[in-house]
Amino acid sequence: MEKSGGRRVIPERVRVYDFVDKTLGKANPYGVYDTTANVGWVSVGVDHDTAEFAVETLRRWWEKMGLWL
């Protein structure tokens, strides 16, 4: 049982595999995690899962957070 103040909680079913949903599409997450500072950055794309997208994620992280480390 989860911490729920004594109530019984019914778990919600989730999709755990990376299958495309015809209605929702597919999300492509890329991220950076700094273990020293315990902070992270995630970009989520919905149209293409490409190396260009991964590099763009790193570039945006560097501009917003990496420069301040």
PDB file of N, CA and C in Angstrom:
ATOM      1  N   MET A   1       0.825  -1.191   0.000  1.00  0.00           N
ATOM      2  CA  MET A   1       0.000   0.000   0.000  1.00  0.00           C
ATOM      3  C   MET A   1       0.867   1.251   0.000  1.00  0.00           C
ATOM      4  N   GLU A   2       0.429   2.236  -0.717  1.00  0.00           N
ATOM      5  CA  GLU A   2       1.108   3.533  -0.776  1.00  0.00           C
ATOM      6  C   GLU A   2       0.758   4.339   0.465  1.00  0.00           C
ATOM      7  N   LYS A   3       1.498   5.409   0.677  1.00  0.00           N
ATOM      8  CA  LYS A   3       1.139   6.333   1.748  1.00  0.00           C
ATOM      9  C   LYS A   3      -0.109   7.076   1.307  1.00  0.00           C
ATOM     10  N   SER A   4      -1.226   6.722   1.893  1.00  0.00           N
ATOM     11  CA  SER A   4      -2.489   7.303   1.444  1.00  0.00           C
ATOM     12  C   SER A   4      -3.432   7.562   2.605  1.00  0.00           C
ATOM     13  N   GLY A   5      -2.910   7.720   3.803  1.00  0.00           N
ATOM     14  CA  GLY A   5      -3.779   7.993   4.941  1.00  0.00           C
ATOM     15  C   GLY A   5      -4.688   6.833   5.274  1.00  0.00           C
ATOM     16  N   GLY A   6      -4.252   5.614   4.998  1.00  0.00           N
ATOM     17  CA  GLY A   6      -5.044   4.438   5.316  1.00  0.00           C
ATOM     18  C   GLY A   6      -6.007   3.997   4.238  1.00  0.00           C
ATOM     19  N   ARG A   7      -6.159   4.796   3.181  1.00  0.00           N
ATOM     20  CA  ARG A   7      -7.063   4.417   2.093  1.00  0.00           C
ATOM     21  C   ARG A   7      -6.369   3.413   1.173  1.00  0.00           C
ATOM     22  N   ARG A   8      -7.149   2.558   0.559  1.00  0.00           N
ATOM     23  CA  ARG A   8      -6.603   1.637  -0.427  1.00  0.00           C
ATOM     24  C   ARG A   8      -6.532   2.357  -1.771  1.00  0.00           C
ATOM     25  N   VAL A   9      -5.371   2.318  -2.413  1.00  0.00           N
ATOM     26  CA  VAL A   9      -5.168   3.007  -3.678  1.00  0.00           C
ATOM     27  C   VAL A   9      -5.081   1.981  -4.794  1.00  0.00           C
ATOM     28  N   ILE A  10      -5.845   2.199  -5.846  1.00  0.00           N
ATOM     29  CA  ILE A  10      -5.809   1.324  -7.011  1.00  0.00           C
ATOM     30  C   ILE A  10      -4.820   1.925  -8.000  1.00  0.00           C
ATOM     31  N   PRO A  11      -3.764   1.185  -8.368  1.00  0.00           N
ATOM     32  CA  PRO A  11      -2.774   1.734  -9.296  1.00  0.00           C
ATOM     33  C   PRO A  11      -3.380   2.019 -10.671  1.00  0.00           C
ATOM     34  N   GLU A  12      -2.887   3.069 -11.303  1.00  0.00           N
ATOM     35  CA  GLU A  12      -3.337   3.446 -12.636  1.00  0.00           C
ATOM     36  C   GLU A  12      -2.491   2.723 -13.677  1.00  0.00           C
ATOM     37  N   ARG A  13      -3.138   2.173 -14.700  1.00  0.00           N
ATOM     38  CA  ARG A  13      -2.403   1.505 -15.773  1.00  0.00           C
ATOM     39  C   ARG A  13      -1.686   2.545 -16.615  1.00  0.00           C
ATOM     40  N   VAL A  14      -0.436   2.270 -16.957  1.00  0.00           N
ATOM     41  CA  VAL A  14       0.352   3.175 -17.789  1.00  0.00           C
ATOM     42  C   VAL A  14       0.996   2.390 -18.921  1.00  0.00           C
ATOM     43  N   ARG A  15       1.369   3.109 -19.970  1.00  0.00           N
ATOM     44  CA  ARG A  15       2.073   2.490 -21.091  1.00  0.00           C
ATOM     45  C   ARG A  15       3.561   2.556 -20.783  1.00  0.00           C
ATOM     46  N   VAL A  16       4.192   1.404 -20.647  1.00  0.00           N
ATOM     47  CA  VAL A  16       5.597   1.380 -20.252  1.00  0.00           C
ATOM     48  C   VAL A  16       6.546   1.118 -21.413  1.00  0.00           C
ATOM     49  N   TYR A  17       6.014   0.845 -22.588  1.00  0.00           N
ATOM     50  CA  TYR A  17       6.857   0.583 -23.738  1.00  0.00           C
ATOM     51  C   TYR A  17       6.780   1.743 -24.717  1.00  0.00           C
ATOM     52  N   ASP A  18       7.761   1.855 -25.564  1.00  0.00           N
ATOM     53  CA  ASP A  18       7.870   2.967 -26.488  1.00  0.00           C
ATOM     54  C   ASP A  18       7.145   2.671 -27.799  1.00  0.00           C
ATOM     55  N   PHE A  19       5.849   2.419 -27.707  1.00  0.00           N
ATOM     56  CA  PHE A  19       5.049   2.192 -28.892  1.00  0.00           C
ATOM     57  C   PHE A  19       4.344   3.488 -29.260  1.00  0.00           C
ATOM     58  N   VAL A  20       4.208   3.717 -30.540  1.00  0.00           N
ATOM     59  CA  VAL A  20       3.513   4.910 -31.011  1.00  0.00           C
ATOM     60  C   VAL A  20       2.019   4.741 -30.766  1.00  0.00           C
ATOM     61  N   ASP A  21       1.398   5.758 -30.200  1.00  0.00           N
ATOM     62  CA  ASP A  21      -0.043   5.788 -30.015  1.00  0.00           C
ATOM     63  C   ASP A  21      -0.622   6.586 -31.187  1.00  0.00           C
ATOM     64  N   LYS A  22      -1.574   6.025 -31.906  1.00  0.00           N
ATOM     65  CA  LYS A  22      -2.110   6.690 -33.098  1.00  0.00           C
ATOM     66  C   LYS A  22      -2.772   8.018 -32.775  1.00  0.00           C
ATOM     67  N   THR A  23      -3.299   8.168 -31.580  1.00  0.00           N
ATOM     68  CA  THR A  23      -3.949   9.412 -31.186  1.00  0.00           C
ATOM     69  C   THR A  23      -2.959  10.408 -30.608  1.00  0.00           C
ATOM     70  N   LEU A  24      -2.074   9.943 -29.708  1.00  0.00           N
ATOM     71  CA  LEU A  24      -1.169  10.839 -28.999  1.00  0.00           C
ATOM     72  C   LEU A  24       0.176  11.022 -29.685  1.00  0.00           C
ATOM     73  N   GLY A  25       0.554  10.130 -30.570  1.00  0.00           N
ATOM     74  CA  GLY A  25       1.860  10.203 -31.217  1.00  0.00           C
ATOM     75  C   GLY A  25       2.933   9.578 -30.338  1.00  0.00           C
ATOM     76  N   LYS A  26       4.157  10.048 -30.482  1.00  0.00           N
ATOM     77  CA  LYS A  26       5.280   9.499 -29.732  1.00  0.00           C
ATOM     78  C   LYS A  26       6.114  10.655 -29.187  1.00  0.00           C
ATOM     79  N   ALA A  27       6.506  10.561 -27.935  1.00  0.00           N
ATOM     80  CA  ALA A  27       7.365  11.579 -27.331  1.00  0.00           C
ATOM     81  C   ALA A  27       8.797  11.071 -27.331  1.00  0.00           C
ATOM     82  N   ASN A  28       9.732  11.963 -27.645  1.00  0.00           N
ATOM     83  CA  ASN A  28      11.148  11.626 -27.700  1.00  0.00           C
ATOM     84  C   ASN A  28      11.899  12.485 -26.688  1.00  0.00           C
ATOM     85  N   PRO A  29      12.167  11.936 -25.485  1.00  0.00           N
ATOM     86  CA  PRO A  29      12.870  12.740 -24.480  1.00  0.00           C
ATOM     87  C   PRO A  29      14.383  12.601 -24.585  1.00  0.00           C
ATOM     88  N   TYR A  30      15.071  13.709 -24.411  1.00  0.00           N
ATOM     89  CA  TYR A  30      16.527  13.730 -24.279  1.00  0.00           C
ATOM     90  C   TYR A  30      16.836  14.629 -23.106  1.00  0.00           C
ATOM     91  N   GLY A  31      17.852  14.266 -22.320  1.00  0.00           N
ATOM     92  CA  GLY A  31      18.138  15.092 -21.169  1.00  0.00           C
ATOM     93  C   GLY A  31      19.576  15.030 -20.713  1.00  0.00           C
ATOM     94  N   VAL A  32      19.882  15.931 -19.789  1.00  0.00           N
ATOM     95  CA  VAL A  32      21.184  16.039 -19.165  1.00  0.00           C
ATOM     96  C   VAL A  32      20.950  16.055 -17.665  1.00  0.00           C
ATOM     97  N   TYR A  33      21.744  15.295 -16.908  1.00  0.00           N
ATOM     98  CA  TYR A  33      21.624  15.295 -15.454  1.00  0.00           C
ATOM     99  C   TYR A  33      22.995  15.513 -14.839  1.00  0.00           C
ATOM    100  N   ASP A  34      23.109  16.516 -13.997  1.00  0.00           N
ATOM    101  CA  ASP A  34      24.353  16.832 -13.302  1.00  0.00           C
ATOM    102  C   ASP A  34      24.274  16.216 -11.908  1.00  0.00           C
ATOM    103  N   THR A  35      25.016  15.141 -11.690  1.00  0.00           N
ATOM    104  CA  THR A  35      24.953  14.439 -10.406  1.00  0.00           C
ATOM    105  C   THR A  35      25.539  15.255  -9.267  1.00  0.00           C
ATOM    106  N   THR A  36      26.487  16.117  -9.548  1.00  0.00           N
ATOM    107  CA  THR A  36      27.093  16.942  -8.501  1.00  0.00           C
ATOM    108  C   THR A  36      26.112  17.982  -7.980  1.00  0.00           C
ATOM    109  N   ALA A  37      25.462  18.674  -8.880  1.00  0.00           N
ATOM    110  CA  ALA A  37      24.521  19.729  -8.492  1.00  0.00           C
ATOM    111  C   ALA A  37      23.103  19.203  -8.273  1.00  0.00           C
ATOM    112  N   ASN A  38      22.837  17.937  -8.649  1.00  0.00           N
ATOM    113  CA  ASN A  38      21.524  17.312  -8.520  1.00  0.00           C
ATOM    114  C   ASN A  38      20.449  18.111  -9.268  1.00  0.00           C
ATOM    115  N   VAL A  39      20.767  18.500 -10.491  1.00  0.00           N
ATOM    116  CA  VAL A  39      19.818  19.208 -11.341  1.00  0.00           C
ATOM    117  C   VAL A  39      19.804  18.562 -12.719  1.00  0.00           C
ATOM    118  N   GLY A  40      18.719  18.741 -13.428  1.00  0.00           N
ATOM    119  CA  GLY A  40      18.613  18.144 -14.749  1.00  0.00           C
ATOM    120  C   GLY A  40      17.877  19.026 -15.722  1.00  0.00           C
ATOM    121  N   TRP A  41      17.935  18.619 -16.986  1.00  0.00           N
ATOM    122  CA  TRP A  41      17.282  19.334 -18.080  1.00  0.00           C
ATOM    123  C   TRP A  41      16.754  18.280 -19.038  1.00  0.00           C
ATOM    124  N   VAL A  42      15.492  18.399 -19.413  1.00  0.00           N
ATOM    125  CA  VAL A  42      14.903  17.452 -20.358  1.00  0.00           C
ATOM    126  C   VAL A  42      14.183  18.237 -21.446  1.00  0.00           C
ATOM    127  N   SER A  43      14.418  17.842 -22.680  1.00  0.00           N
ATOM    128  CA  SER A  43      13.663  18.370 -23.818  1.00  0.00           C
ATOM    129  C   SER A  43      12.846  17.209 -24.372  1.00  0.00           C
ATOM    130  N   VAL A  44      11.620  17.492 -24.746  1.00  0.00           N
ATOM    131  CA  VAL A  44      10.749  16.455 -25.294  1.00  0.00           C
ATOM    132  C   VAL A  44      10.281  16.905 -26.666  1.00  0.00           C
ATOM    133  N   GLY A  45      10.604  16.102 -27.672  1.00  0.00           N
ATOM    134  CA  GLY A  45      10.163  16.377 -29.030  1.00  0.00           C
ATOM    135  C   GLY A  45       9.057  15.413 -29.415  1.00  0.00           C
ATOM    136  N   VAL A  46       8.249  15.799 -30.371  1.00  0.00           N
ATOM    137  CA  VAL A  46       7.146  14.940 -30.778  1.00  0.00           C
ATOM    138  C   VAL A  46       7.136  14.623 -32.264  1.00  0.00           C
ATOM    139  N   ASP A  47       8.122  15.131 -33.022  1.00  0.00           N
ATOM    140  CA  ASP A  47       8.054  14.846 -34.447  1.00  0.00           C
ATOM    141  C   ASP A  47       9.222  14.006 -34.961  1.00  0.00           C
ATOM    142  N   HIS A  48      10.451  14.219 -34.476  1.00  0.00           N
ATOM    143  CA  HIS A  48      11.579  13.450 -34.983  1.00  0.00           C
ATOM    144  C   HIS A  48      12.527  13.068 -33.853  1.00  0.00           C
ATOM    145  N   ASP A  49      12.967  11.836 -33.869  1.00  0.00           N
ATOM    146  CA  ASP A  49      13.937  11.328 -32.901  1.00  0.00           C
ATOM    147  C   ASP A  49      15.278  11.255 -33.632  1.00  0.00           C
ATOM    148  N   THR A  50      16.015  12.384 -33.653  1.00  0.00           N
ATOM    149  CA  THR A  50      17.220  12.454 -34.464  1.00  0.00           C
ATOM    150  C   THR A  50      18.416  12.900 -33.638  1.00  0.00           C
ATOM    151  N   ALA A  51      19.595  12.707 -34.180  1.00  0.00           N
ATOM    152  CA  ALA A  51      20.817  13.199 -33.548  1.00  0.00           C
ATOM    153  C   ALA A  51      20.781  14.721 -33.469  1.00  0.00           C
ATOM    154  N   GLU A  52      20.208  15.362 -34.465  1.00  0.00           N
ATOM    155  CA  GLU A  52      20.093  16.824 -34.457  1.00  0.00           C
ATOM    156  C   GLU A  52      19.293  17.294 -33.240  1.00  0.00           C
ATOM    157  N   PHE A  53      18.222  16.583 -32.925  1.00  0.00           N
ATOM    158  CA  PHE A  53      17.399  16.931 -31.761  1.00  0.00           C
ATOM    159  C   PHE A  53      18.192  16.739 -30.469  1.00  0.00           C
ATOM    160  N   ALA A  54      18.965  15.663 -30.382  1.00  0.00           N
ATOM    161  CA  ALA A  54      19.782  15.421 -29.187  1.00  0.00           C
ATOM    162  C   ALA A  54      20.819  16.525 -29.011  1.00  0.00           C
ATOM    163  N   VAL A  55      21.470  16.930 -30.085  1.00  0.00           N
ATOM    164  CA  VAL A  55      22.466  18.002 -30.019  1.00  0.00           C
ATOM    165  C   VAL A  55      21.806  19.322 -29.641  1.00  0.00           C
ATOM    166  N   GLU A  56      20.629  19.587 -30.163  1.00  0.00           N
ATOM    167  CA  GLU A  56      19.895  20.811 -29.826  1.00  0.00           C
ATOM    168  C   GLU A  56      19.549  20.834 -28.335  1.00  0.00           C
ATOM    169  N   THR A  57      19.209  19.678 -27.779  1.00  0.00           N
ATOM    170  CA  THR A  57      18.951  19.588 -26.345  1.00  0.00           C
ATOM    171  C   THR A  57      20.187  19.986 -25.551  1.00  0.00           C
ATOM    172  N   LEU A  58      21.335  19.451 -25.936  1.00  0.00           N
ATOM    173  CA  LEU A  58      22.578  19.804 -25.248  1.00  0.00           C
ATOM    174  C   LEU A  58      22.899  21.286 -25.396  1.00  0.00           C
ATOM    175  N   ARG A  59      22.695  21.846 -26.574  1.00  0.00           N
ATOM    176  CA  ARG A  59      22.959  23.268 -26.795  1.00  0.00           C
ATOM    177  C   ARG A  59      22.087  24.138 -25.899  1.00  0.00           C
ATOM    178  N   ARG A  60      20.798  23.812 -25.836  1.00  0.00           N
ATOM    179  CA  ARG A  60      19.885  24.602 -25.005  1.00  0.00           C
ATOM    180  C   ARG A  60      20.238  24.470 -23.526  1.00  0.00           C
ATOM    181  N   TRP A  61      20.597  23.254 -23.109  1.00  0.00           N
ATOM    182  CA  TRP A  61      21.016  23.060 -21.719  1.00  0.00           C
ATOM    183  C   TRP A  61      22.239  23.925 -21.425  1.00  0.00           C
ATOM    184  N   TRP A  62      23.220  23.907 -22.311  1.00  0.00           N
ATOM    185  CA  TRP A  62      24.441  24.669 -22.084  1.00  0.00           C
ATOM    186  C   TRP A  62      24.143  26.165 -21.963  1.00  0.00           C
ATOM    187  N   GLU A  63      23.282  26.689 -22.840  1.00  0.00           N
ATOM    188  CA  GLU A  63      22.947  28.108 -22.803  1.00  0.00           C
ATOM    189  C   GLU A  63      22.170  28.494 -21.550  1.00  0.00           C
ATOM    190  N   LYS A  64      21.264  27.619 -21.080  1.00  0.00           N
ATOM    191  CA  LYS A  64      20.402  27.958 -19.938  1.00  0.00           C
ATOM    192  C   LYS A  64      21.020  27.588 -18.595  1.00  0.00           C
ATOM    193  N   MET A  65      21.789  26.476 -18.532  1.00  0.00           N
ATOM    194  CA  MET A  65      22.266  25.999 -17.241  1.00  0.00           C
ATOM    195  C   MET A  65      23.766  25.724 -17.202  1.00  0.00           C
ATOM    196  N   GLY A  66      24.316  25.190 -18.266  1.00  0.00           N
ATOM    197  CA  GLY A  66      25.696  24.737 -18.271  1.00  0.00           C
ATOM    198  C   GLY A  66      26.724  25.840 -18.054  1.00  0.00           C
ATOM    199  N   LEU A  67      26.448  27.007 -18.573  1.00  0.00           N
ATOM    200  CA  LEU A  67      27.374  28.125 -18.423  1.00  0.00           C
ATOM    201  C   LEU A  67      27.548  28.542 -16.968  1.00  0.00           C
ATOM    202  N   TRP A  68      26.555  28.238 -16.150  1.00  0.00           N
ATOM    203  CA  TRP A  68      26.570  28.685 -14.738  1.00  0.00           C
ATOM    204  C   TRP A  68      27.220  27.684 -13.814  1.00  0.00           C
ATOM    205  N   LEU A  69      27.654  26.549 -14.322  1.00  0.00           N
ATOM    206  CA  LEU A  69      28.279  25.536 -13.453  1.00  0.00           C
ATOM    207  C   LEU A  69      29.686  25.914 -13.095  1.00  0.00           C
TER     208      LEU A  69
END
